[in-house]
Amino acid sequence: MSDLKLYELAGCPYCAKVKETLADLELEYESISVPRSHGQRTEVREISGQTGVPVLVDEANGIEGMAESDDIIEYLEETYGG
């Protein structure tokens, strides 16, 4: 099991950007699909304080719920990039 977890929603363009970066960096991660309804995204709210996706968890580096695709991409590139 990977230390990286990505909370995502099918068809979400912001999630797709993050997944593309994960693939480019050849990182393994656990994909967690969230409900379409924001009101049902209790797990996402608990870890990130909001209901939007994507949200990244990186247990190895103490990241417990990073939101915003651009922030996630920057973090992944700085942390795991060449």
Protein backbone atom coordinates (compact mmCIF):
# COMPACT_ATOMS: atom_id res chain seq x y z
CA MET A 1 0.00 0.00 0.00
CA SER A 2 1.26 3.45 -0.93
CA ASP A 3 1.86 6.32 1.46
CA LEU A 4 0.13 8.59 -1.10
CA LYS A 5 -3.65 8.76 -1.21
CA LEU A 6 -5.61 10.87 -3.66
CA TYR A 7 -9.24 11.69 -2.99
CA GLU A 8 -10.80 12.30 -6.37
CA LEU A 9 -13.96 12.38 -8.46
CA ALA A 10 -14.34 10.85 -11.91
CA GLY A 11 -14.47 13.52 -14.59
CA CYS A 12 -12.88 16.20 -12.38
CA PRO A 13 -10.36 18.16 -14.51
CA TYR A 14 -8.38 19.25 -11.44
CA CYS A 15 -8.07 15.64 -10.31
CA ALA A 16 -6.93 14.68 -13.82
CA LYS A 17 -4.10 17.25 -13.64
CA VAL A 18 -2.86 15.78 -10.38
CA LYS A 19 -3.14 12.21 -11.69
CA GLU A 20 -1.11 13.21 -14.75
CA THR A 21 1.65 14.55 -12.50
CA LEU A 22 1.59 11.39 -10.39
CA ALA A 23 1.96 9.34 -13.58
CA ASP A 24 4.75 11.58 -14.94
CA LEU A 25 6.66 11.12 -11.67
CA GLU A 26 5.89 7.38 -11.72
CA LEU A 27 4.43 7.52 -8.22
CA GLU A 28 2.19 4.82 -6.84
CA TYR A 29 -0.85 6.05 -4.96
CA GLU A 30 -4.15 4.87 -3.61
CA SER A 31 -7.11 6.38 -5.44
CA ILE A 32 -10.14 7.07 -3.27
CA SER A 33 -13.29 7.99 -5.18
CA VAL A 34 -15.57 10.43 -3.41
CA PRO A 35 -19.33 10.86 -3.80
CA ARG A 36 -20.53 13.44 -6.32
CA SER A 37 -22.55 15.21 -3.60
CA HIS A 38 -20.44 17.57 -1.48
CA GLY A 39 -22.71 16.83 1.48
CA GLN A 40 -21.64 13.17 1.45
CA ARG A 41 -17.90 13.85 1.41
CA THR A 42 -17.49 13.55 5.16
CA GLU A 43 -14.10 11.81 4.97
CA VAL A 44 -12.69 14.56 2.75
CA ARG A 45 -14.03 17.24 5.13
CA GLU A 46 -12.46 15.45 8.11
CA ILE A 47 -8.97 15.38 6.59
CA SER A 48 -8.89 18.68 4.71
CA GLY A 49 -11.53 20.91 6.29
CA GLN A 50 -13.38 21.31 2.99
CA THR A 51 -15.26 19.11 0.51
CA GLY A 52 -13.54 19.95 -2.78
CA VAL A 53 -11.26 17.53 -4.58
CA PRO A 54 -8.56 16.65 -5.30
CA VAL A 55 -7.09 16.17 -1.84
CA LEU A 56 -3.71 14.54 -1.28
CA VAL A 57 -2.51 12.65 1.78
CA ASP A 58 1.20 11.80 2.02
CA GLU A 59 1.65 9.89 5.26
CA ALA A 60 5.42 9.53 4.79
CA ASN A 61 5.85 13.32 4.84
CA GLY A 62 3.12 14.33 7.30
CA ILE A 63 0.74 15.75 4.68
CA GLU A 64 -2.70 15.03 6.09
CA GLY A 65 -5.02 16.70 3.60
CA MET A 66 -3.57 19.04 0.98
CA ALA A 67 -6.18 20.61 -1.30
CA GLU A 68 -5.91 22.69 -4.50
CA SER A 69 -4.54 20.93 -7.56
CA ASP A 70 -1.82 23.50 -8.27
CA ASP A 71 -0.52 23.24 -4.69
CA ILE A 72 -0.57 19.44 -4.87
CA ILE A 73 1.32 19.43 -8.19
CA GLU A 74 3.93 21.85 -6.88
CA TYR A 75 4.36 19.74 -3.74
CA LEU A 76 4.73 16.50 -5.73
CA GLU A 77 7.28 18.00 -8.11
CA GLU A 78 9.33 19.52 -5.26
CA THR A 79 9.17 16.41 -3.12
CA TYR A 80 9.41 13.60 -5.66
CA GLY A 81 10.68 15.25 -8.85
CA GLY A 82 14.12 14.64 -10.36
